[in-house]
Amino acid sequence: MSRRGTGARGEELAARYLENRGYRVLDRNFRTRRGEIDIVAQAGDRVVFVEVKHWKVLGVEALEQSLGGRKQSRIRAASRAYLMRHPELEACRIGYDVVFLGAEGSRLRHYRNAFDGV
């Protein structure tokens, strides 16, 4: 499977996982010049910007290292753009979650509030 296919499959698994836990997926693959959000979801009064990491070969520990400060800054910038386009979400609390998937989605870890916000 191609890298793009692996990413899409991982995002689909993550979206289903979140929906099964009461999240409502609002958007997927939101892109701006400054960054991309894999999944935008809502759980109660919380809007969550979710980064999905799915690698076939490397372990979850290596995935965790792939989400450095630069990547977090790009996600924050994209989230600000998203919120500007969706003023109806103004009153919501904001969170940045990360979902890590192992090979073939065999191992899933969901980190709520994985890093600080806007």
PDB file of N, CA and C in Angstrom:
ATOM      1  N   MET A   1       0.851  -1.176   0.000  1.00  0.00           N
ATOM      2  CA  MET A   1       0.000   0.000   0.000  1.00  0.00           C
ATOM      3  C   MET A   1       0.898   1.242   0.000  1.00  0.00           C
ATOM      4  N   SER A   2       0.484   2.263  -0.738  1.00  0.00           N
ATOM      5  CA  SER A   2       1.256   3.493  -0.810  1.00  0.00           C
ATOM      6  C   SER A   2       1.211   4.244   0.515  1.00  0.00           C
ATOM      7  N   ARG A   3       2.095   5.213   0.640  1.00  0.00           N
ATOM      8  CA  ARG A   3       2.140   6.029   1.860  1.00  0.00           C
ATOM      9  C   ARG A   3       0.816   6.780   2.042  1.00  0.00           C
ATOM     10  N   ARG A   4       0.292   7.312   0.939  1.00  0.00           N
ATOM     11  CA  ARG A   4      -0.988   8.031   0.999  1.00  0.00           C
ATOM     12  C   ARG A   4      -2.119   7.076   1.406  1.00  0.00           C
ATOM     13  N   GLY A   5      -2.092   5.867   0.854  1.00  0.00           N
ATOM     14  CA  GLY A   5      -3.110   4.878   1.207  1.00  0.00           C
ATOM     15  C   GLY A   5      -3.034   4.470   2.667  1.00  0.00           C
ATOM     16  N   THR A   6      -1.805   4.324   3.160  1.00  0.00           N
ATOM     17  CA  THR A   6      -1.607   3.984   4.569  1.00  0.00           C
ATOM     18  C   THR A   6      -2.151   5.092   5.462  1.00  0.00           C
ATOM     19  N   GLY A   7      -1.869   6.347   5.093  1.00  0.00           N
ATOM     20  CA  GLY A   7      -2.363   7.483   5.869  1.00  0.00           C
ATOM     21  C   GLY A   7      -3.874   7.558   5.868  1.00  0.00           C
ATOM     22  N   ALA A   8      -4.478   7.354   4.707  1.00  0.00           N
ATOM     23  CA  ALA A   8      -5.943   7.402   4.597  1.00  0.00           C
ATOM     24  C   ALA A   8      -6.580   6.289   5.423  1.00  0.00           C
ATOM     25  N   ARG A   9      -5.988   5.109   5.368  1.00  0.00           N
ATOM     26  CA  ARG A   9      -6.526   3.993   6.160  1.00  0.00           C
ATOM     27  C   ARG A   9      -6.407   4.294   7.654  1.00  0.00           C
ATOM     28  N   GLY A  10      -5.284   4.842   8.061  1.00  0.00           N
ATOM     29  CA  GLY A  10      -5.099   5.203   9.458  1.00  0.00           C
ATOM     30  C   GLY A  10      -6.097   6.247   9.915  1.00  0.00           C
ATOM     31  N   GLU A  11      -6.342   7.242   9.067  1.00  0.00           N
ATOM     32  CA  GLU A  11      -7.308   8.282   9.414  1.00  0.00           C
ATOM     33  C   GLU A  11      -8.715   7.711   9.512  1.00  0.00           C
ATOM     34  N   GLU A  12      -9.039   6.782   8.655  1.00  0.00           N
ATOM     35  CA  GLU A  12     -10.365   6.139   8.716  1.00  0.00           C
ATOM     36  C   GLU A  12     -10.517   5.354  10.019  1.00  0.00           C
ATOM     37  N   LEU A  13      -9.497   4.590  10.381  1.00  0.00           N
ATOM     38  CA  LEU A  13      -9.539   3.832  11.644  1.00  0.00           C
ATOM     39  C   LEU A  13      -9.660   4.771  12.841  1.00  0.00           C
ATOM     40  N   ALA A  14      -8.898   5.854  12.811  1.00  0.00           N
ATOM     41  CA  ALA A  14      -8.942   6.816  13.912  1.00  0.00           C
ATOM     42  C   ALA A  14     -10.319   7.481  13.997  1.00  0.00           C
ATOM     43  N   ALA A  15     -10.886   7.851  12.862  1.00  0.00           N
ATOM     44  CA  ALA A  15     -12.215   8.484  12.853  1.00  0.00           C
ATOM     45  C   ALA A  15     -13.263   7.532  13.431  1.00  0.00           C
ATOM     46  N   ARG A  16     -13.227   6.278  13.032  1.00  0.00           N
ATOM     47  CA  ARG A  16     -14.181   5.297  13.577  1.00  0.00           C
ATOM     48  C   ARG A  16     -13.986   5.115  15.077  1.00  0.00           C
ATOM     49  N   TYR A  17     -12.745   5.048  15.500  1.00  0.00           N
ATOM     50  CA  TYR A  17     -12.434   4.918  16.915  1.00  0.00           C
ATOM     51  C   TYR A  17     -13.045   6.085  17.695  1.00  0.00           C
ATOM     52  N   LEU A  18     -12.828   7.305  17.211  1.00  0.00           N
ATOM     53  CA  LEU A  18     -13.351   8.488  17.890  1.00  0.00           C
ATOM     54  C   LEU A  18     -14.878   8.481  17.906  1.00  0.00           C
ATOM     55  N   GLU A  19     -15.488   8.154  16.785  1.00  0.00           N
ATOM     56  CA  GLU A  19     -16.961   8.110  16.719  1.00  0.00           C
ATOM     57  C   GLU A  19     -17.530   7.087  17.695  1.00  0.00           C
ATOM     58  N   ASN A  20     -16.853   5.963  17.826  1.00  0.00           N
ATOM     59  CA  ASN A  20     -17.299   4.931  18.770  1.00  0.00           C
ATOM     60  C   ASN A  20     -17.193   5.381  20.218  1.00  0.00           C
ATOM     61  N   ARG A  21     -16.439   6.451  20.451  1.00  0.00           N
ATOM     62  CA  ARG A  21     -16.287   6.995  21.800  1.00  0.00           C
ATOM     63  C   ARG A  21     -17.047   8.299  21.994  1.00  0.00           C
ATOM     64  N   GLY A  22     -17.993   8.557  21.112  1.00  0.00           N
ATOM     65  CA  GLY A  22     -18.878   9.694  21.287  1.00  0.00           C
ATOM     66  C   GLY A  22     -18.454  10.990  20.618  1.00  0.00           C
ATOM     67  N   TYR A  23     -17.355  10.981  19.897  1.00  0.00           N
ATOM     68  CA  TYR A  23     -16.944  12.173  19.158  1.00  0.00           C
ATOM     69  C   TYR A  23     -17.767  12.270  17.873  1.00  0.00           C
ATOM     70  N   ARG A  24     -17.990  13.485  17.436  1.00  0.00           N
ATOM     71  CA  ARG A  24     -18.631  13.708  16.146  1.00  0.00           C
ATOM     72  C   ARG A  24     -17.574  14.309  15.223  1.00  0.00           C
ATOM     73  N   VAL A  25     -17.269  13.623  14.136  1.00  0.00           N
ATOM     74  CA  VAL A  25     -16.266  14.119  13.192  1.00  0.00           C
ATOM     75  C   VAL A  25     -16.883  15.255  12.390  1.00  0.00           C
ATOM     76  N   LEU A  26     -16.253  16.425  12.475  1.00  0.00           N
ATOM     77  CA  LEU A  26     -16.733  17.614  11.772  1.00  0.00           C
ATOM     78  C   LEU A  26     -16.076  17.780  10.412  1.00  0.00           C
ATOM     79  N   ASP A  27     -14.824  17.385  10.312  1.00  0.00           N
ATOM     80  CA  ASP A  27     -14.072  17.607   9.084  1.00  0.00           C
ATOM     81  C   ASP A  27     -12.877  16.673   9.062  1.00  0.00           C
ATOM     82  N   ARG A  28     -12.398  16.413   7.845  1.00  0.00           N
ATOM     83  CA  ARG A  28     -11.191  15.600   7.687  1.00  0.00           C
ATOM     84  C   ARG A  28     -10.292  16.244   6.648  1.00  0.00           C
ATOM     85  N   ASN A  29      -9.002  16.128   6.865  1.00  0.00           N
ATOM     86  CA  ASN A  29      -7.993  16.644   5.943  1.00  0.00           C
ATOM     87  C   ASN A  29      -8.194  18.112   5.610  1.00  0.00           C
ATOM     88  N   PHE A  30      -8.366  18.910   6.638  1.00  0.00           N
ATOM     89  CA  PHE A  30      -8.483  20.358   6.462  1.00  0.00           C
ATOM     90  C   PHE A  30      -7.087  20.905   6.203  1.00  0.00           C
ATOM     91  N   ARG A  31      -6.933  21.617   5.071  1.00  0.00           N
ATOM     92  CA  ARG A  31      -5.618  22.117   4.669  1.00  0.00           C
ATOM     93  C   ARG A  31      -5.596  23.629   4.522  1.00  0.00           C
ATOM     94  N   THR A  32      -4.488  24.201   4.936  1.00  0.00           N
ATOM     95  CA  THR A  32      -4.190  25.604   4.673  1.00  0.00           C
ATOM     96  C   THR A  32      -2.740  25.656   4.199  1.00  0.00           C
ATOM     97  N   ARG A  33      -2.309  26.849   3.833  1.00  0.00           N
ATOM     98  CA  ARG A  33      -0.899  26.991   3.437  1.00  0.00           C
ATOM     99  C   ARG A  33       0.033  26.712   4.613  1.00  0.00           C
ATOM    100  N   ARG A  34      -0.452  26.917   5.804  1.00  0.00           N
ATOM    101  CA  ARG A  34       0.395  26.770   6.991  1.00  0.00           C
ATOM    102  C   ARG A  34       0.413  25.374   7.589  1.00  0.00           C
ATOM    103  N   GLY A  35      -0.574  24.551   7.255  1.00  0.00           N
ATOM    104  CA  GLY A  35      -0.602  23.228   7.853  1.00  0.00           C
ATOM    105  C   GLY A  35      -1.865  22.470   7.525  1.00  0.00           C
ATOM    106  N   GLU A  36      -1.973  21.294   8.100  1.00  0.00           N
ATOM    107  CA  GLU A  36      -3.108  20.409   7.844  1.00  0.00           C
ATOM    108  C   GLU A  36      -3.573  19.795   9.154  1.00  0.00           C
ATOM    109  N   ILE A  37      -4.882  19.587   9.222  1.00  0.00           N
ATOM    110  CA  ILE A  37      -5.487  18.876  10.350  1.00  0.00           C
ATOM    111  C   ILE A  37      -6.065  17.582   9.786  1.00  0.00           C
ATOM    112  N   ASP A  38      -5.677  16.450  10.353  1.00  0.00           N
ATOM    113  CA  ASP A  38      -6.191  15.178   9.864  1.00  0.00           C
ATOM    114  C   ASP A  38      -7.681  15.021  10.159  1.00  0.00           C
ATOM    115  N   ILE A  39      -8.069  15.267  11.405  1.00  0.00           N
ATOM    116  CA  ILE A  39      -9.469  15.127  11.813  1.00  0.00           C
ATOM    117  C   ILE A  39      -9.825  16.275  12.746  1.00  0.00           C
ATOM    118  N   VAL A  40     -10.974  16.885  12.486  1.00  0.00           N
ATOM    119  CA  VAL A  40     -11.546  17.857  13.415  1.00  0.00           C
ATOM    120  C   VAL A  40     -12.799  17.191  13.968  1.00  0.00           C
ATOM    121  N   ALA A  41     -12.889  17.090  15.277  1.00  0.00           N
ATOM    122  CA  ALA A  41     -14.020  16.408  15.901  1.00  0.00           C
ATOM    123  C   ALA A  41     -14.535  17.233  17.067  1.00  0.00           C
ATOM    124  N   GLN A  42     -15.741  16.880  17.499  1.00  0.00           N
ATOM    125  CA  GLN A  42     -16.334  17.556  18.646  1.00  0.00           C
ATOM    126  C   GLN A  42     -16.852  16.518  19.621  1.00  0.00           C
ATOM    127  N   ALA A  43     -16.569  16.774  20.888  1.00  0.00           N
ATOM    128  CA  ALA A  43     -17.073  15.937  21.970  1.00  0.00           C
ATOM    129  C   ALA A  43     -17.602  16.892  23.032  1.00  0.00           C
ATOM    130  N   GLY A  44     -18.913  17.013  23.118  1.00  0.00           N
ATOM    131  CA  GLY A  44     -19.509  17.955  24.054  1.00  0.00           C
ATOM    132  C   GLY A  44     -19.144  19.372  23.672  1.00  0.00           C
ATOM    133  N   ASP A  45     -18.587  20.119  24.634  1.00  0.00           N
ATOM    134  CA  ASP A  45     -18.208  21.508  24.359  1.00  0.00           C
ATOM    135  C   ASP A  45     -16.738  21.629  23.967  1.00  0.00           C
ATOM    136  N   ARG A  46     -16.148  20.542  23.547  1.00  0.00           N
ATOM    137  CA  ARG A  46     -14.721  20.502  23.204  1.00  0.00           C
ATOM    138  C   ARG A  46     -14.539  20.220  21.717  1.00  0.00           C
ATOM    139  N   VAL A  47     -13.830  21.114  21.012  1.00  0.00           N
ATOM    140  CA  VAL A  47     -13.437  20.873  19.626  1.00  0.00           C
ATOM    141  C   VAL A  47     -12.021  20.336  19.662  1.00  0.00           C
ATOM    142  N   VAL A  48     -11.816  19.236  18.961  1.00  0.00           N
ATOM    143  CA  VAL A  48     -10.541  18.542  19.021  1.00  0.00           C
ATOM    144  C   VAL A  48      -9.921  18.483  17.632  1.00  0.00           C
ATOM    145  N   PHE A  49      -8.670  18.916  17.572  1.00  0.00           N
ATOM    146  CA  PHE A  49      -7.890  18.813  16.351  1.00  0.00           C
ATOM    147  C   PHE A  49      -6.990  17.601  16.528  1.00  0.00           C
ATOM    148  N   VAL A  50      -7.183  16.611  15.669  1.00  0.00           N
ATOM    149  CA  VAL A  50      -6.531  15.314  15.860  1.00  0.00           C
ATOM    150  C   VAL A  50      -5.486  15.066  14.783  1.00  0.00           C
ATOM    151  N   GLU A  51      -4.289  14.785  15.224  1.00  0.00           N
ATOM    152  CA  GLU A  51      -3.211  14.352  14.331  1.00  0.00           C
ATOM    153  C   GLU A  51      -3.173  12.838  14.380  1.00  0.00           C
ATOM    154  N   VAL A  52      -3.178  12.215  13.209  1.00  0.00           N
ATOM    155  CA  VAL A  52      -3.142  10.753  13.123  1.00  0.00           C
ATOM    156  C   VAL A  52      -1.784  10.350  12.565  1.00  0.00           C
ATOM    157  N   LYS A  53      -1.119   9.470  13.278  1.00  0.00           N
ATOM    158  CA  LYS A  53       0.159   8.933  12.827  1.00  0.00           C
ATOM    159  C   LYS A  53       0.004   7.434  12.667  1.00  0.00           C
ATOM    160  N   HIS A  54       0.247   6.952  11.459  1.00  0.00           N
ATOM    161  CA  HIS A  54       0.088   5.532  11.156  1.00  0.00           C
ATOM    162  C   HIS A  54       1.263   5.102  10.299  1.00  0.00           C
ATOM    163  N   TRP A  55       2.148   4.337  10.881  1.00  0.00           N
ATOM    164  CA  TRP A  55       3.287   3.826  10.152  1.00  0.00           C
ATOM    165  C   TRP A  55       3.281   2.315  10.210  1.00  0.00           C
ATOM    166  N   LYS A  56       3.568   1.712   9.080  1.00  0.00           N
ATOM    167  CA  LYS A  56       3.535   0.258   9.005  1.00  0.00           C
ATOM    168  C   LYS A  56       4.717  -0.406   9.696  1.00  0.00           C
ATOM    169  N   VAL A  57       5.879   0.214   9.628  1.00  0.00           N
ATOM    170  CA  VAL A  57       7.083  -0.466  10.069  1.00  0.00           C
ATOM    171  C   VAL A  57       7.558  -0.017  11.441  1.00  0.00           C
ATOM    172  N   LEU A  58       7.644   1.275  11.647  1.00  0.00           N
ATOM    173  CA  LEU A  58       8.195   1.789  12.902  1.00  0.00           C
ATOM    174  C   LEU A  58       7.219   1.597  14.053  1.00  0.00           C
ATOM    175  N   GLY A  59       7.740   1.462  15.220  1.00  0.00           N
ATOM    176  CA  GLY A  59       6.907   1.279  16.401  1.00  0.00           C
ATOM    177  C   GLY A  59       6.292   2.571  16.886  1.00  0.00           C
ATOM    178  N   VAL A  60       5.386   2.461  17.826  1.00  0.00           N
ATOM    179  CA  VAL A  60       4.671   3.603  18.372  1.00  0.00           C
ATOM    180  C   VAL A  60       5.643   4.598  18.998  1.00  0.00           C
ATOM    181  N   GLU A  61       6.712   4.109  19.594  1.00  0.00           N
ATOM    182  CA  GLU A  61       7.682   5.007  20.221  1.00  0.00           C
ATOM    183  C   GLU A  61       8.288   5.954  19.189  1.00  0.00           C
ATOM    184  N   ALA A  62       8.606   5.450  17.998  1.00  0.00           N
ATOM    185  CA  ALA A  62       9.154   6.294  16.931  1.00  0.00           C
ATOM    186  C   ALA A  62       8.107   7.286  16.441  1.00  0.00           C
ATOM    187  N   LEU A  63       6.852   6.861  16.423  1.00  0.00           N
ATOM    188  CA  LEU A  63       5.775   7.767  16.012  1.00  0.00           C
ATOM    189  C   LEU A  63       5.689   8.961  16.956  1.00  0.00           C
ATOM    190  N   GLU A  64       5.809   8.696  18.237  1.00  0.00           N
ATOM    191  CA  GLU A  64       5.716   9.753  19.234  1.00  0.00           C
ATOM    192  C   GLU A  64       6.789  10.812  19.018  1.00  0.00           C
ATOM    193  N   GLN A  65       7.962  10.395  18.582  1.00  0.00           N
ATOM    194  CA  GLN A  65       9.047  11.335  18.342  1.00  0.00           C
ATOM    195  C   GLN A  65       8.813  12.173  17.091  1.00  0.00           C
ATOM    196  N   SER A  66       7.937  11.731  16.204  1.00  0.00           N
ATOM    197  CA  SER A  66       7.697  12.423  14.934  1.00  0.00           C
ATOM    198  C   SER A  66       6.822  13.664  15.088  1.00  0.00           C
ATOM    199  N   LEU A  67       6.317  13.920  16.260  1.00  0.00           N
ATOM    200  CA  LEU A  67       5.414  15.046  16.480  1.00  0.00           C
ATOM    201  C   LEU A  67       6.121  16.146  17.276  1.00  0.00           C
ATOM    202  N   GLY A  68       7.154  16.698  16.671  1.00  0.00           N
ATOM    203  CA  GLY A  68       7.958  17.712  17.340  1.00  0.00           C
ATOM    204  C   GLY A  68       7.312  19.088  17.332  1.00  0.00           C
ATOM    205  N   GLY A  69       8.043  20.055  17.853  1.00  0.00           N
ATOM    206  CA  GLY A  69       7.547  21.421  17.982  1.00  0.00           C
ATOM    207  C   GLY A  69       7.118  22.052  16.666  1.00  0.00           C
ATOM    208  N   ARG A  70       7.870  21.801  15.614  1.00  0.00           N
ATOM    209  CA  ARG A  70       7.534  22.374  14.299  1.00  0.00           C
ATOM    210  C   ARG A  70       6.188  21.846  13.800  1.00  0.00           C
ATOM    211  N   LYS A  71       5.988  20.549  13.912  1.00  0.00           N
ATOM    212  CA  LYS A  71       4.720  19.941  13.483  1.00  0.00           C
ATOM    213  C   LYS A  71       3.575  20.479  14.336  1.00  0.00           C
ATOM    214  N   GLN A  72       3.783  20.593  15.627  1.00  0.00           N
ATOM    215  CA  GLN A  72       2.751  21.130  16.510  1.00  0.00           C
ATOM    216  C   GLN A  72       2.395  22.569  16.121  1.00  0.00           C
ATOM    217  N   SER A  73       3.381  23.366  15.779  1.00  0.00           N
ATOM    218  CA  SER A  73       3.123  24.752  15.358  1.00  0.00           C
ATOM    219  C   SER A  73       2.273  24.798  14.101  1.00  0.00           C
ATOM    220  N   ARG A  74       2.536  23.905  13.167  1.00  0.00           N
ATOM    221  CA  ARG A  74       1.750  23.858  11.926  1.00  0.00           C
ATOM    222  C   ARG A  74       0.306  23.452  12.219  1.00  0.00           C
ATOM    223  N   ILE A  75       0.133  22.520  13.128  1.00  0.00           N
ATOM    224  CA  ILE A  75      -1.228  22.093  13.497  1.00  0.00           C
ATOM    225  C   ILE A  75      -1.962  23.241  14.185  1.00  0.00           C
ATOM    226  N   ARG A  76      -1.288  23.942  15.074  1.00  0.00           N
ATOM    227  CA  ARG A  76      -1.913  25.094  15.745  1.00  0.00           C
ATOM    228  C   ARG A  76      -2.321  26.165  14.734  1.00  0.00           C
ATOM    229  N   ALA A  77      -1.442  26.456  13.783  1.00  0.00           N
ATOM    230  CA  ALA A  77      -1.755  27.474  12.768  1.00  0.00           C
ATOM    231  C   ALA A  77      -2.965  27.054  11.942  1.00  0.00           C
ATOM    232  N   ALA A  78      -3.025  25.800  11.551  1.00  0.00           N
ATOM    233  CA  ALA A  78      -4.168  25.312  10.785  1.00  0.00           C
ATOM    234  C   ALA A  78      -5.440  25.346  11.627  1.00  0.00           C
ATOM    235  N   SER A  79      -5.323  25.055  12.911  1.00  0.00           N
ATOM    236  CA  SER A  79      -6.511  25.076  13.779  1.00  0.00           C
ATOM    237  C   SER A  79      -7.052  26.495  13.919  1.00  0.00           C
ATOM    238  N   ARG A  80      -6.165  27.481  14.008  1.00  0.00           N
ATOM    239  CA  ARG A  80      -6.621  28.879  14.075  1.00  0.00           C
ATOM    240  C   ARG A  80      -7.384  29.253  12.808  1.00  0.00           C
ATOM    241  N   ALA A  81      -6.879  28.824  11.662  1.00  0.00           N
ATOM    242  CA  ALA A  81      -7.568  29.099  10.391  1.00  0.00           C
ATOM    243  C   ALA A  81      -8.932  28.416  10.371  1.00  0.00           C
ATOM    244  N   TYR A  82      -8.997  27.195  10.884  1.00  0.00           N
ATOM    245  CA  TYR A  82     -10.267  26.475  10.922  1.00  0.00           C
ATOM    246  C   TYR A  82     -11.282  27.217  11.792  1.00  0.00           C
ATOM    247  N   LEU A  83     -10.834  27.641  12.956  1.00  0.00           N
ATOM    248  CA  LEU A  83     -11.733  28.338  13.880  1.00  0.00           C
ATOM    249  C   LEU A  83     -12.208  29.679  13.311  1.00  0.00           C
ATOM    250  N   MET A  84     -11.362  30.350  12.556  1.00  0.00           N
ATOM    251  CA  MET A  84     -11.773  31.606  11.927  1.00  0.00           C
ATOM    252  C   MET A  84     -12.882  31.362  10.897  1.00  0.00           C
ATOM    253  N   ARG A  85     -12.841  30.211  10.257  1.00  0.00           N
ATOM    254  CA  ARG A  85     -13.860  29.862   9.253  1.00  0.00           C
ATOM    255  C   ARG A  85     -15.138  29.304   9.879  1.00  0.00           C
ATOM    256  N   HIS A  86     -15.070  28.961  11.150  1.00  0.00           N
ATOM    257  CA  HIS A  86     -16.221  28.354  11.839  1.00  0.00           C
ATOM    258  C   HIS A  86     -16.499  29.089  13.152  1.00  0.00           C
ATOM    259  N   PRO A  87     -17.047  30.305  13.054  1.00  0.00           N
ATOM    260  CA  PRO A  87     -17.305  31.091  14.266  1.00  0.00           C
ATOM    261  C   PRO A  87     -18.317  30.441  15.207  1.00  0.00           C
ATOM    262  N   GLU A  88     -19.108  29.498  14.717  1.00  0.00           N
ATOM    263  CA  GLU A  88     -20.068  28.807  15.576  1.00  0.00           C
ATOM    264  C   GLU A  88     -19.374  27.970  16.658  1.00  0.00           C
ATOM    265  N   LEU A  89     -18.079  27.741  16.495  1.00  0.00           N
ATOM    266  CA  LEU A  89     -17.311  26.952  17.468  1.00  0.00           C
ATOM    267  C   LEU A  89     -16.589  27.825  18.488  1.00  0.00           C
ATOM    268  N   GLU A  90     -16.822  29.120  18.417  1.00  0.00           N
ATOM    269  CA  GLU A  90     -16.119  30.103  19.246  1.00  0.00           C
ATOM    270  C   GLU A  90     -16.186  29.805  20.746  1.00  0.00           C
ATOM    271  N   ALA A  91     -17.322  29.332  21.221  1.00  0.00           N
ATOM    272  CA  ALA A  91     -17.503  29.108  22.660  1.00  0.00           C
ATOM    273  C   ALA A  91     -16.926  27.774  23.138  1.00  0.00           C
ATOM    274  N   CYS A  92     -16.456  26.954  22.219  1.00  0.00           N
ATOM    275  CA  CYS A  92     -15.965  25.623  22.586  1.00  0.00           C
ATOM    276  C   CYS A  92     -14.552  25.674  23.151  1.00  0.00           C
ATOM    277  N   ARG A  93     -14.284  24.737  24.041  1.00  0.00           N
ATOM    278  CA  ARG A  93     -12.908  24.530  24.499  1.00  0.00           C
ATOM    279  C   ARG A  93     -12.156  23.846  23.358  1.00  0.00           C
ATOM    280  N   ILE A  94     -10.857  24.046  23.307  1.00  0.00           N
ATOM    281  CA  ILE A  94     -10.034  23.502  22.226  1.00  0.00           C
ATOM    282  C   ILE A  94      -9.081  22.464  22.784  1.00  0.00           C
ATOM    283  N   GLY A  95      -8.902  21.387  22.028  1.00  0.00           N
ATOM    284  CA  GLY A  95      -7.937  20.370  22.416  1.00  0.00           C
ATOM    285  C   GLY A  95      -7.166  19.867  21.214  1.00  0.00           C
ATOM    286  N   TYR A  96      -5.976  19.386  21.483  1.00  0.00           N
ATOM    287  CA  TYR A  96      -5.126  18.808  20.440  1.00  0.00           C
ATOM    288  C   TYR A  96      -4.823  17.369  20.849  1.00  0.00           C
ATOM    289  N   ASP A  97      -5.418  16.453  20.135  1.00  0.00           N
ATOM    290  CA  ASP A  97      -5.235  15.041  20.430  1.00  0.00           C
ATOM    291  C   ASP A  97      -4.360  14.405  19.361  1.00  0.00           C
ATOM    292  N   VAL A  98      -3.777  13.279  19.699  1.00  0.00           N
ATOM    293  CA  VAL A  98      -2.987  12.506  18.751  1.00  0.00           C
ATOM    294  C   VAL A  98      -3.436  11.058  18.847  1.00  0.00           C
ATOM    295  N   VAL A  99      -3.608  10.438  17.688  1.00  0.00           N
ATOM    296  CA  VAL A  99      -3.901   9.009  17.631  1.00  0.00           C
ATOM    297  C   VAL A  99      -2.735   8.346  16.906  1.00  0.00           C
ATOM    298  N   PHE A 100      -2.075   7.426  17.599  1.00  0.00           N
ATOM    299  CA  PHE A 100      -0.982   6.660  17.019  1.00  0.00           C
ATOM    300  C   PHE A 100      -1.485   5.268  16.686  1.00  0.00           C
ATOM    301  N   LEU A 101      -1.162   4.808  15.474  1.00  0.00           N
ATOM    302  CA  LEU A 101      -1.545   3.473  15.032  1.00  0.00           C
ATOM    303  C   LEU A 101      -0.305   2.683  14.661  1.00  0.00           C
ATOM    304  N   GLY A 102      -0.262   1.442  15.096  1.00  0.00           N
ATOM    305  CA  GLY A 102       0.826   0.546  14.702  1.00  0.00           C
ATOM    306  C   GLY A 102       0.502  -0.111  13.371  1.00  0.00           C
ATOM    307  N   ALA A 103       1.282  -1.091  12.995  1.00  0.00           N
ATOM    308  CA  ALA A 103       1.119  -1.793  11.724  1.00  0.00           C
ATOM    309  C   ALA A 103      -0.298  -2.320  11.574  1.00  0.00           C
ATOM    310  N   GLU A 104      -0.888  -2.033  10.403  1.00  0.00           N
ATOM    311  CA  GLU A 104      -2.244  -2.488  10.088  1.00  0.00           C
ATOM    312  C   GLU A 104      -3.261  -2.070  11.139  1.00  0.00           C
ATOM    313  N   GLY A 105      -2.992  -0.993  11.835  1.00  0.00           N
ATOM    314  CA  GLY A 105      -3.919  -0.503  12.850  1.00  0.00           C
ATOM    315  C   GLY A 105      -4.011  -1.407  14.055  1.00  0.00           C
ATOM    316  N   SER A 106      -3.000  -2.294  14.196  1.00  0.00           N
ATOM    317  CA  SER A 106      -3.049  -3.299  15.252  1.00  0.00           C
ATOM    318  C   SER A 106      -2.995  -2.706  16.648  1.00  0.00           C
ATOM    319  N   ARG A 107      -2.321  -1.596  16.784  1.00  0.00           N
ATOM    320  CA  ARG A 107      -2.160  -0.995  18.099  1.00  0.00           C
ATOM    321  C   ARG A 107      -2.558   0.467  18.001  1.00  0.00           C
ATOM    322  N   LEU A 108      -3.495   0.885  18.794  1.00  0.00           N
ATOM    323  CA  LEU A 108      -3.963   2.258  18.738  1.00  0.00           C
ATOM    324  C   LEU A 108      -3.797   2.898  20.101  1.00  0.00           C
ATOM    325  N   ARG A 109      -3.224   4.101  20.094  1.00  0.00           N
ATOM    326  CA  ARG A 109      -3.108   4.884  21.330  1.00  0.00           C
ATOM    327  C   ARG A 109      -3.699   6.257  21.059  1.00  0.00           C
ATOM    328  N   HIS A 110      -4.585   6.672  21.938  1.00  0.00           N
ATOM    329  CA  HIS A 110      -5.220   7.982  21.819  1.00  0.00           C
ATOM    330  C   HIS A 110      -4.747   8.840  22.983  1.00  0.00           C
ATOM    331  N   TYR A 111      -4.099   9.938  22.655  1.00  0.00           N
ATOM    332  CA  TYR A 111      -3.625  10.864  23.665  1.00  0.00           C
ATOM    333  C   TYR A 111      -4.480  12.120  23.620  1.00  0.00           C
ATOM    334  N   ARG A 112      -5.295  12.315  24.641  1.00  0.00           N
ATOM    335  CA  ARG A 112      -6.089  13.551  24.763  1.00  0.00           C
ATOM    336  C   ARG A 112      -5.184  14.668  25.220  1.00  0.00           C
ATOM    337  N   ASN A 113      -5.414  15.845  24.676  1.00  0.00           N
ATOM    338  CA  ASN A 113      -4.621  17.014  25.039  1.00  0.00           C
ATOM    339  C   ASN A 113      -3.127  16.717  24.976  1.00  0.00           C
ATOM    340  N   ALA A 114      -2.704  16.175  23.853  1.00  0.00           N
ATOM    341  CA  ALA A 114      -1.316  15.759  23.668  1.00  0.00           C
ATOM    342  C   ALA A 114      -0.342  16.923  23.691  1.00  0.00           C
ATOM    343  N   PHE A 115      -0.819  18.096  23.277  1.00  0.00           N
ATOM    344  CA  PHE A 115       0.009  19.298  23.384  1.00  0.00           C
ATOM    345  C   PHE A 115      -0.880  20.507  23.572  1.00  0.00           C
ATOM    346  N   ASP A 116      -0.258  21.629  23.935  1.00  0.00           N
ATOM    347  CA  ASP A 116      -1.004  22.833  24.277  1.00  0.00           C
ATOM    348  C   ASP A 116      -1.535  23.545  23.058  1.00  0.00           C
ATOM    349  N   GLY A 117      -2.545  24.402  23.337  1.00  0.00           N
ATOM    350  CA  GLY A 117      -3.382  24.974  22.312  1.00  0.00           C
ATOM    351  C   GLY A 117      -2.975  26.243  21.635  1.00  0.00           C
ATOM    352  N   VAL A 118      -4.023  26.785  21.032  1.00  0.00           N
ATOM    353  CA  VAL A 118      -4.022  27.901  20.115  1.00  0.00           C
ATOM    354  C   VAL A 118      -3.178  29.027  20.651  1.00  0.00           C
TER     355      VAL A 118
END
